[in-house]
N, C-alpha and C. Protein backbone atom coordinates (compact mmCIF):
# COMPACT_ATOMS: atom_id res chain seq x y z
N MET A 1 -103.10 11.75 7.51
CA MET A 1 -102.62 12.15 6.20
C MET A 1 -102.52 10.91 5.32
N GLU A 2 -103.17 10.95 4.20
CA GLU A 2 -103.14 9.83 3.27
C GLU A 2 -102.33 10.21 2.05
N MET A 3 -101.47 9.29 1.64
CA MET A 3 -100.64 9.55 0.46
C MET A 3 -100.78 8.36 -0.49
N ASP A 4 -100.96 8.65 -1.74
CA ASP A 4 -101.04 7.61 -2.76
C ASP A 4 -99.62 7.30 -3.21
N PHE A 5 -99.14 6.10 -2.85
CA PHE A 5 -97.76 5.72 -3.15
C PHE A 5 -97.47 5.75 -4.64
N ASN A 6 -98.38 5.21 -5.45
CA ASN A 6 -98.15 5.17 -6.90
C ASN A 6 -98.07 6.56 -7.49
N LEU A 7 -98.92 7.46 -7.02
CA LEU A 7 -98.89 8.84 -7.49
C LEU A 7 -97.56 9.49 -7.12
N TYR A 8 -97.12 9.25 -5.88
CA TYR A 8 -95.84 9.78 -5.43
C TYR A 8 -94.69 9.24 -6.29
N MET A 9 -94.66 7.92 -6.50
CA MET A 9 -93.57 7.32 -7.27
C MET A 9 -93.59 7.78 -8.73
N ASN A 10 -94.77 7.95 -9.31
CA ASN A 10 -94.84 8.47 -10.68
C ASN A 10 -94.17 9.83 -10.78
N GLU A 11 -94.39 10.66 -9.77
CA GLU A 11 -93.79 11.99 -9.77
C GLU A 11 -92.26 11.89 -9.65
N VAL A 12 -91.79 11.01 -8.79
CA VAL A 12 -90.34 10.81 -8.61
C VAL A 12 -89.72 10.31 -9.92
N VAL A 13 -90.35 9.31 -10.53
CA VAL A 13 -89.84 8.73 -11.78
C VAL A 13 -89.84 9.78 -12.89
N ASN A 14 -90.94 10.50 -13.02
CA ASN A 14 -91.02 11.52 -14.08
C ASN A 14 -89.96 12.60 -13.89
N THR A 15 -89.72 12.99 -12.66
CA THR A 15 -88.68 13.99 -12.38
C THR A 15 -87.31 13.45 -12.76
N ALA A 16 -87.04 12.20 -12.41
CA ALA A 16 -85.75 11.59 -12.73
C ALA A 16 -85.56 11.47 -14.24
N ARG A 17 -86.63 11.10 -14.94
CA ARG A 17 -86.56 11.01 -16.41
C ARG A 17 -86.27 12.39 -17.02
N GLN A 18 -87.00 13.38 -16.54
CA GLN A 18 -86.87 14.73 -17.10
C GLN A 18 -85.47 15.30 -16.86
N GLU A 19 -84.93 15.06 -15.68
CA GLU A 19 -83.59 15.58 -15.37
C GLU A 19 -82.55 15.09 -16.36
N ILE A 20 -82.56 13.79 -16.63
CA ILE A 20 -81.52 13.23 -17.50
C ILE A 20 -81.79 13.58 -18.97
N GLU A 21 -83.05 13.66 -19.34
CA GLU A 21 -83.39 14.07 -20.71
C GLU A 21 -83.00 15.52 -20.93
N ASN A 22 -83.28 16.39 -19.97
CA ASN A 22 -82.91 17.81 -20.08
C ASN A 22 -81.40 17.99 -20.18
N ALA A 23 -80.65 17.05 -19.61
CA ALA A 23 -79.19 17.13 -19.68
C ALA A 23 -78.67 16.79 -21.07
N GLY A 24 -79.50 16.11 -21.89
CA GLY A 24 -79.08 15.80 -23.25
C GLY A 24 -79.03 14.32 -23.58
N TYR A 25 -79.56 13.48 -22.70
CA TYR A 25 -79.55 12.04 -22.92
C TYR A 25 -80.87 11.59 -23.52
N GLN A 26 -80.79 10.68 -24.48
CA GLN A 26 -81.98 10.11 -25.12
C GLN A 26 -82.45 8.91 -24.29
N GLN A 27 -83.73 8.91 -23.95
CA GLN A 27 -84.29 7.78 -23.22
C GLN A 27 -84.56 6.61 -24.16
N LEU A 28 -84.08 5.45 -23.77
CA LEU A 28 -84.36 4.22 -24.51
C LEU A 28 -85.32 3.41 -23.64
N ARG A 29 -86.54 3.23 -24.13
CA ARG A 29 -87.57 2.63 -23.29
C ARG A 29 -87.98 1.23 -23.74
N THR A 30 -87.45 0.77 -24.88
CA THR A 30 -87.78 -0.57 -25.36
C THR A 30 -86.49 -1.31 -25.74
N SER A 31 -86.59 -2.62 -25.80
CA SER A 31 -85.45 -3.43 -26.23
C SER A 31 -85.01 -3.05 -27.64
N GLU A 32 -85.99 -2.79 -28.50
CA GLU A 32 -85.67 -2.43 -29.89
C GLU A 32 -84.87 -1.15 -29.95
N GLU A 33 -85.26 -0.15 -29.16
CA GLU A 33 -84.53 1.12 -29.15
C GLU A 33 -83.09 0.90 -28.67
N VAL A 34 -82.91 0.07 -27.65
CA VAL A 34 -81.57 -0.22 -27.14
C VAL A 34 -80.72 -0.86 -28.23
N LYS A 35 -81.23 -1.89 -28.85
CA LYS A 35 -80.47 -2.58 -29.89
C LYS A 35 -80.12 -1.65 -31.04
N GLU A 36 -81.07 -0.83 -31.44
CA GLU A 36 -80.84 0.10 -32.55
C GLU A 36 -79.68 1.04 -32.27
N VAL A 37 -79.65 1.62 -31.08
CA VAL A 37 -78.59 2.58 -30.75
C VAL A 37 -77.27 1.87 -30.44
N PHE A 38 -77.33 0.80 -29.66
CA PHE A 38 -76.10 0.12 -29.24
C PHE A 38 -75.36 -0.49 -30.42
N GLU A 39 -76.06 -0.83 -31.49
CA GLU A 39 -75.42 -1.46 -32.64
C GLU A 39 -74.90 -0.45 -33.66
N LYS A 40 -75.13 0.83 -33.43
CA LYS A 40 -74.60 1.85 -34.33
C LYS A 40 -73.08 1.91 -34.19
N PRO A 41 -72.39 2.23 -35.28
CA PRO A 41 -70.94 2.42 -35.19
C PRO A 41 -70.62 3.60 -34.28
N GLY A 42 -69.50 3.52 -33.60
CA GLY A 42 -69.07 4.62 -32.74
C GLY A 42 -69.30 4.31 -31.28
N THR A 43 -69.26 5.37 -30.48
CA THR A 43 -69.34 5.21 -29.03
C THR A 43 -70.72 5.59 -28.52
N VAL A 44 -71.15 4.85 -27.50
CA VAL A 44 -72.43 5.08 -26.83
C VAL A 44 -72.16 5.14 -25.34
N PHE A 45 -72.55 6.25 -24.72
CA PHE A 45 -72.44 6.39 -23.26
C PHE A 45 -73.84 6.24 -22.69
N VAL A 46 -73.97 5.30 -21.75
CA VAL A 46 -75.27 4.94 -21.19
C VAL A 46 -75.31 5.27 -19.71
N MET A 47 -76.34 5.98 -19.29
CA MET A 47 -76.60 6.17 -17.87
C MET A 47 -77.72 5.22 -17.49
N ILE A 48 -77.45 4.30 -16.56
CA ILE A 48 -78.49 3.42 -16.04
C ILE A 48 -79.09 4.16 -14.86
N ASN A 49 -80.26 4.70 -15.08
CA ASN A 49 -80.93 5.57 -14.13
C ASN A 49 -81.68 4.75 -13.09
N SER A 50 -81.97 5.35 -11.95
CA SER A 50 -82.79 4.73 -10.93
C SER A 50 -83.37 5.81 -10.03
N VAL A 51 -84.22 5.40 -9.10
CA VAL A 51 -84.86 6.38 -8.21
C VAL A 51 -84.15 6.49 -6.86
N CYS A 52 -83.03 5.81 -6.68
CA CYS A 52 -82.35 5.85 -5.39
C CYS A 52 -81.71 7.22 -5.16
N GLY A 53 -81.34 7.46 -3.93
CA GLY A 53 -80.75 8.75 -3.57
C GLY A 53 -79.44 9.04 -4.27
N CYS A 54 -78.60 8.01 -4.47
CA CYS A 54 -77.32 8.28 -5.12
C CYS A 54 -77.50 8.58 -6.61
N ALA A 55 -78.61 8.15 -7.19
CA ALA A 55 -78.89 8.52 -8.59
C ALA A 55 -79.25 10.01 -8.65
N GLY A 56 -80.14 10.44 -7.77
CA GLY A 56 -80.59 11.83 -7.78
C GLY A 56 -79.55 12.81 -7.25
N GLY A 57 -78.78 12.38 -6.26
CA GLY A 57 -77.84 13.29 -5.63
C GLY A 57 -76.45 13.28 -6.23
N ILE A 58 -76.11 12.20 -6.94
CA ILE A 58 -74.75 12.09 -7.47
C ILE A 58 -74.76 11.76 -8.97
N ALA A 59 -75.38 10.66 -9.37
CA ALA A 59 -75.24 10.15 -10.74
C ALA A 59 -75.84 11.09 -11.79
N ARG A 60 -77.10 11.50 -11.61
CA ARG A 60 -77.70 12.37 -12.63
C ARG A 60 -77.00 13.72 -12.71
N PRO A 61 -76.69 14.37 -11.57
CA PRO A 61 -75.93 15.62 -11.69
C PRO A 61 -74.57 15.42 -12.35
N ALA A 62 -73.90 14.32 -12.03
CA ALA A 62 -72.60 14.04 -12.66
C ALA A 62 -72.76 13.81 -14.16
N ALA A 63 -73.79 13.07 -14.54
CA ALA A 63 -74.05 12.81 -15.96
C ALA A 63 -74.28 14.12 -16.72
N ALA A 64 -74.98 15.04 -16.10
CA ALA A 64 -75.26 16.33 -16.74
C ALA A 64 -73.99 17.18 -16.84
N HIS A 65 -73.28 17.33 -15.75
CA HIS A 65 -72.11 18.21 -15.73
C HIS A 65 -70.93 17.66 -16.51
N ALA A 66 -70.85 16.35 -16.64
CA ALA A 66 -69.74 15.75 -17.39
C ALA A 66 -69.77 16.15 -18.85
N LEU A 67 -70.92 16.56 -19.35
CA LEU A 67 -71.05 16.92 -20.76
C LEU A 67 -70.40 18.25 -21.11
N HIS A 68 -69.99 18.99 -20.09
CA HIS A 68 -69.28 20.25 -20.31
C HIS A 68 -67.80 19.91 -20.51
N TYR A 69 -67.52 19.30 -21.65
CA TYR A 69 -66.18 18.79 -21.93
C TYR A 69 -65.94 18.87 -23.43
N ASP A 70 -64.67 18.92 -23.82
CA ASP A 70 -64.32 19.08 -25.23
C ASP A 70 -64.59 17.83 -26.07
N LYS A 71 -64.52 16.67 -25.45
CA LYS A 71 -64.74 15.41 -26.17
C LYS A 71 -65.96 14.72 -25.60
N LEU A 72 -66.77 14.17 -26.50
CA LEU A 72 -67.97 13.44 -26.08
C LEU A 72 -68.13 12.19 -26.94
N PRO A 73 -68.86 11.20 -26.41
CA PRO A 73 -69.18 10.04 -27.22
C PRO A 73 -70.16 10.42 -28.33
N ASN A 74 -70.35 9.51 -29.29
CA ASN A 74 -71.26 9.78 -30.40
C ASN A 74 -72.72 9.83 -29.95
N HIS A 75 -73.07 9.01 -28.96
CA HIS A 75 -74.47 8.92 -28.51
C HIS A 75 -74.53 8.94 -26.99
N LEU A 76 -75.46 9.71 -26.46
CA LEU A 76 -75.73 9.77 -25.02
C LEU A 76 -77.13 9.24 -24.80
N VAL A 77 -77.23 8.15 -24.04
CA VAL A 77 -78.53 7.52 -23.84
C VAL A 77 -78.71 7.12 -22.38
N THR A 78 -79.95 6.77 -22.05
CA THR A 78 -80.26 6.31 -20.70
C THR A 78 -81.33 5.23 -20.75
N VAL A 79 -81.21 4.28 -19.84
CA VAL A 79 -82.26 3.30 -19.57
C VAL A 79 -82.60 3.44 -18.10
N PHE A 80 -83.83 3.09 -17.74
CA PHE A 80 -84.29 3.32 -16.37
C PHE A 80 -84.54 1.98 -15.69
N ALA A 81 -83.61 1.59 -14.81
CA ALA A 81 -83.73 0.34 -14.07
C ALA A 81 -84.98 0.38 -13.20
N GLY A 82 -85.70 -0.72 -13.18
CA GLY A 82 -86.91 -0.82 -12.36
C GLY A 82 -88.13 -0.21 -13.01
N GLN A 83 -87.96 0.50 -14.10
CA GLN A 83 -89.08 1.14 -14.79
C GLN A 83 -89.24 0.56 -16.19
N ASP A 84 -88.23 0.73 -17.00
CA ASP A 84 -88.24 0.19 -18.37
C ASP A 84 -87.43 -1.10 -18.33
N LYS A 85 -88.07 -2.14 -17.78
CA LYS A 85 -87.36 -3.38 -17.44
C LYS A 85 -86.80 -4.10 -18.65
N GLU A 86 -87.55 -4.19 -19.75
CA GLU A 86 -87.04 -4.87 -20.94
C GLU A 86 -85.85 -4.12 -21.54
N ALA A 87 -85.97 -2.81 -21.63
CA ALA A 87 -84.86 -2.00 -22.17
C ALA A 87 -83.62 -2.16 -21.31
N THR A 88 -83.80 -2.12 -19.99
CA THR A 88 -82.66 -2.26 -19.08
C THR A 88 -82.04 -3.65 -19.19
N ALA A 89 -82.86 -4.68 -19.27
CA ALA A 89 -82.35 -6.05 -19.40
C ALA A 89 -81.57 -6.21 -20.70
N THR A 90 -82.07 -5.64 -21.77
CA THR A 90 -81.38 -5.72 -23.05
C THR A 90 -80.05 -4.97 -22.98
N ALA A 91 -80.06 -3.79 -22.38
CA ALA A 91 -78.81 -3.04 -22.22
C ALA A 91 -77.80 -3.86 -21.42
N ARG A 92 -78.26 -4.47 -20.35
CA ARG A 92 -77.34 -5.25 -19.50
C ARG A 92 -76.77 -6.45 -20.22
N ASP A 93 -77.47 -6.95 -21.23
CA ASP A 93 -76.92 -8.05 -22.04
C ASP A 93 -75.62 -7.63 -22.72
N TYR A 94 -75.47 -6.35 -22.99
CA TYR A 94 -74.26 -5.83 -23.64
C TYR A 94 -73.11 -5.61 -22.65
N PHE A 95 -73.44 -5.57 -21.35
CA PHE A 95 -72.44 -5.24 -20.33
C PHE A 95 -71.75 -6.50 -19.82
N GLU A 96 -71.27 -7.31 -20.73
CA GLU A 96 -70.66 -8.59 -20.41
C GLU A 96 -69.52 -8.43 -19.39
N GLY A 97 -69.59 -9.26 -18.35
CA GLY A 97 -68.56 -9.23 -17.32
C GLY A 97 -68.88 -8.31 -16.16
N TYR A 98 -69.98 -7.58 -16.25
CA TYR A 98 -70.38 -6.67 -15.19
C TYR A 98 -71.73 -7.08 -14.63
N PRO A 99 -71.86 -7.14 -13.30
CA PRO A 99 -73.16 -7.48 -12.72
C PRO A 99 -74.13 -6.30 -12.84
N PRO A 100 -75.44 -6.56 -12.76
CA PRO A 100 -76.40 -5.45 -12.78
C PRO A 100 -76.08 -4.45 -11.67
N SER A 101 -76.15 -3.19 -12.02
CA SER A 101 -75.78 -2.13 -11.09
C SER A 101 -76.53 -0.87 -11.49
N SER A 102 -77.23 -0.27 -10.53
CA SER A 102 -77.90 0.99 -10.82
C SER A 102 -77.89 1.86 -9.57
N PRO A 103 -77.59 3.13 -9.75
CA PRO A 103 -77.22 3.74 -11.02
C PRO A 103 -75.81 3.30 -11.42
N SER A 104 -75.55 3.46 -12.68
CA SER A 104 -74.22 3.18 -13.21
C SER A 104 -74.09 3.82 -14.58
N PHE A 105 -72.90 3.73 -15.13
CA PHE A 105 -72.63 4.26 -16.46
C PHE A 105 -71.87 3.21 -17.25
N ALA A 106 -72.15 3.12 -18.53
CA ALA A 106 -71.45 2.19 -19.40
C ALA A 106 -71.00 2.92 -20.65
N LEU A 107 -69.85 2.55 -21.15
CA LEU A 107 -69.36 3.07 -22.42
C LEU A 107 -69.17 1.89 -23.35
N LEU A 108 -69.83 1.97 -24.51
CA LEU A 108 -69.71 0.94 -25.53
C LEU A 108 -69.10 1.55 -26.78
N LYS A 109 -68.38 0.71 -27.51
CA LYS A 109 -67.85 1.14 -28.81
C LYS A 109 -68.17 0.04 -29.80
N ASP A 110 -68.86 0.42 -30.87
CA ASP A 110 -69.27 -0.52 -31.90
C ASP A 110 -70.00 -1.73 -31.31
N GLY A 111 -70.85 -1.46 -30.32
CA GLY A 111 -71.68 -2.50 -29.72
C GLY A 111 -71.01 -3.33 -28.64
N LYS A 112 -69.77 -3.02 -28.30
CA LYS A 112 -69.03 -3.81 -27.30
C LYS A 112 -68.72 -2.94 -26.08
N ILE A 113 -68.85 -3.54 -24.90
CA ILE A 113 -68.57 -2.81 -23.67
C ILE A 113 -67.08 -2.47 -23.58
N ILE A 114 -66.80 -1.24 -23.25
CA ILE A 114 -65.42 -0.76 -23.07
C ILE A 114 -65.13 -0.61 -21.58
N SER A 115 -66.09 0.01 -20.87
CA SER A 115 -65.87 0.31 -19.45
C SER A 115 -67.20 0.57 -18.77
N MET A 116 -67.21 0.40 -17.45
CA MET A 116 -68.38 0.74 -16.63
C MET A 116 -67.92 1.50 -15.41
N ILE A 117 -68.78 2.39 -14.98
CA ILE A 117 -68.66 3.04 -13.68
C ILE A 117 -69.85 2.49 -12.89
N GLU A 118 -69.56 1.62 -11.93
CA GLU A 118 -70.61 0.91 -11.22
C GLU A 118 -71.09 1.67 -9.99
N ARG A 119 -72.20 1.20 -9.45
CA ARG A 119 -72.81 1.85 -8.29
C ARG A 119 -71.81 2.08 -7.16
N HIS A 120 -70.95 1.09 -6.89
CA HIS A 120 -70.00 1.25 -5.79
C HIS A 120 -68.97 2.35 -6.06
N GLU A 121 -68.88 2.79 -7.31
CA GLU A 121 -68.00 3.90 -7.66
C GLU A 121 -68.76 5.23 -7.69
N ILE A 122 -70.05 5.18 -7.38
CA ILE A 122 -70.91 6.36 -7.36
C ILE A 122 -71.39 6.63 -5.93
N GLU A 123 -72.04 5.63 -5.34
CA GLU A 123 -72.61 5.76 -4.00
C GLU A 123 -71.51 6.08 -2.99
N GLY A 124 -71.72 7.13 -2.22
CA GLY A 124 -70.75 7.52 -1.21
C GLY A 124 -69.61 8.38 -1.73
N HIS A 125 -69.59 8.63 -3.03
CA HIS A 125 -68.56 9.48 -3.62
C HIS A 125 -69.15 10.86 -3.91
N ASP A 126 -68.32 11.84 -4.01
CA ASP A 126 -68.84 13.17 -4.34
C ASP A 126 -69.04 13.26 -5.85
N PRO A 127 -70.01 14.09 -6.28
CA PRO A 127 -70.29 14.20 -7.72
C PRO A 127 -69.06 14.56 -8.55
N MET A 128 -68.17 15.37 -8.01
CA MET A 128 -67.00 15.78 -8.81
C MET A 128 -66.11 14.59 -9.14
N SER A 129 -65.95 13.65 -8.23
CA SER A 129 -65.12 12.48 -8.53
C SER A 129 -65.77 11.61 -9.61
N VAL A 130 -67.11 11.56 -9.63
CA VAL A 130 -67.81 10.80 -10.66
C VAL A 130 -67.69 11.53 -12.00
N ILE A 131 -67.82 12.85 -11.98
CA ILE A 131 -67.63 13.64 -13.21
C ILE A 131 -66.23 13.39 -13.77
N THR A 132 -65.23 13.39 -12.91
CA THR A 132 -63.86 13.15 -13.35
C THR A 132 -63.72 11.77 -13.99
N SER A 133 -64.35 10.76 -13.41
CA SER A 133 -64.31 9.41 -13.98
C SER A 133 -64.98 9.36 -15.35
N ILE A 134 -66.11 10.02 -15.47
CA ILE A 134 -66.83 10.05 -16.74
C ILE A 134 -65.99 10.77 -17.80
N GLN A 135 -65.46 11.92 -17.43
CA GLN A 135 -64.69 12.69 -18.39
C GLN A 135 -63.39 12.00 -18.79
N ALA A 136 -62.84 11.16 -17.93
CA ALA A 136 -61.66 10.38 -18.31
C ALA A 136 -62.03 9.42 -19.45
N LEU A 137 -63.23 8.83 -19.38
CA LEU A 137 -63.69 7.98 -20.49
C LEU A 137 -63.90 8.80 -21.75
N PHE A 138 -64.49 9.99 -21.60
CA PHE A 138 -64.71 10.86 -22.75
C PHE A 138 -63.38 11.26 -23.39
N GLU A 139 -62.39 11.54 -22.56
CA GLU A 139 -61.07 11.93 -23.06
C GLU A 139 -60.46 10.82 -23.91
N GLU A 140 -60.58 9.61 -23.43
CA GLU A 140 -59.96 8.48 -24.13
C GLU A 140 -60.76 8.03 -25.35
N TYR A 141 -62.09 8.07 -25.27
CA TYR A 141 -62.91 7.47 -26.34
C TYR A 141 -63.84 8.45 -27.07
N GLY A 142 -63.90 9.70 -26.60
CA GLY A 142 -64.80 10.66 -27.22
C GLY A 142 -64.19 11.34 -28.42
N GLU A 143 -65.02 12.17 -29.04
CA GLU A 143 -64.57 12.94 -30.20
C GLU A 143 -64.73 14.43 -29.90
N GLU A 144 -63.84 15.22 -30.48
CA GLU A 144 -63.89 16.68 -30.29
C GLU A 144 -65.24 17.21 -30.72
N ARG A 145 -65.78 18.11 -29.95
CA ARG A 145 -67.06 18.76 -30.28
C ARG A 145 -66.85 20.21 -30.53
């Protein structure tokens, strides 16, 4: 049995992109797109996506379900670690004080990092506990919808 690794990975990546986009997150694929959104006034919630199991089994489902809440940030966006490398590097420039971590979540306000939910707070945890962590940020920094 022969399998084309690149073809397989393209399918995995495309599925991961589609899942988070279908949930309501805007994909930022360039440094310019990241800067444009991150510098807008208000709050930006960022999902740092990846192809690992904890992204697919915990982080993306949590990111989607957390949106069923009364308060939300002004902007919901995602960058894809390992895929959109420049966009991810630019996003990480804003996450001062936090090491690179994927999957993870970041909340910015007026271009400044407020909080992060890092990989160690996702991997090995159940999706509901991650949803609760996300919604706690939404409660404190989001706006009524």
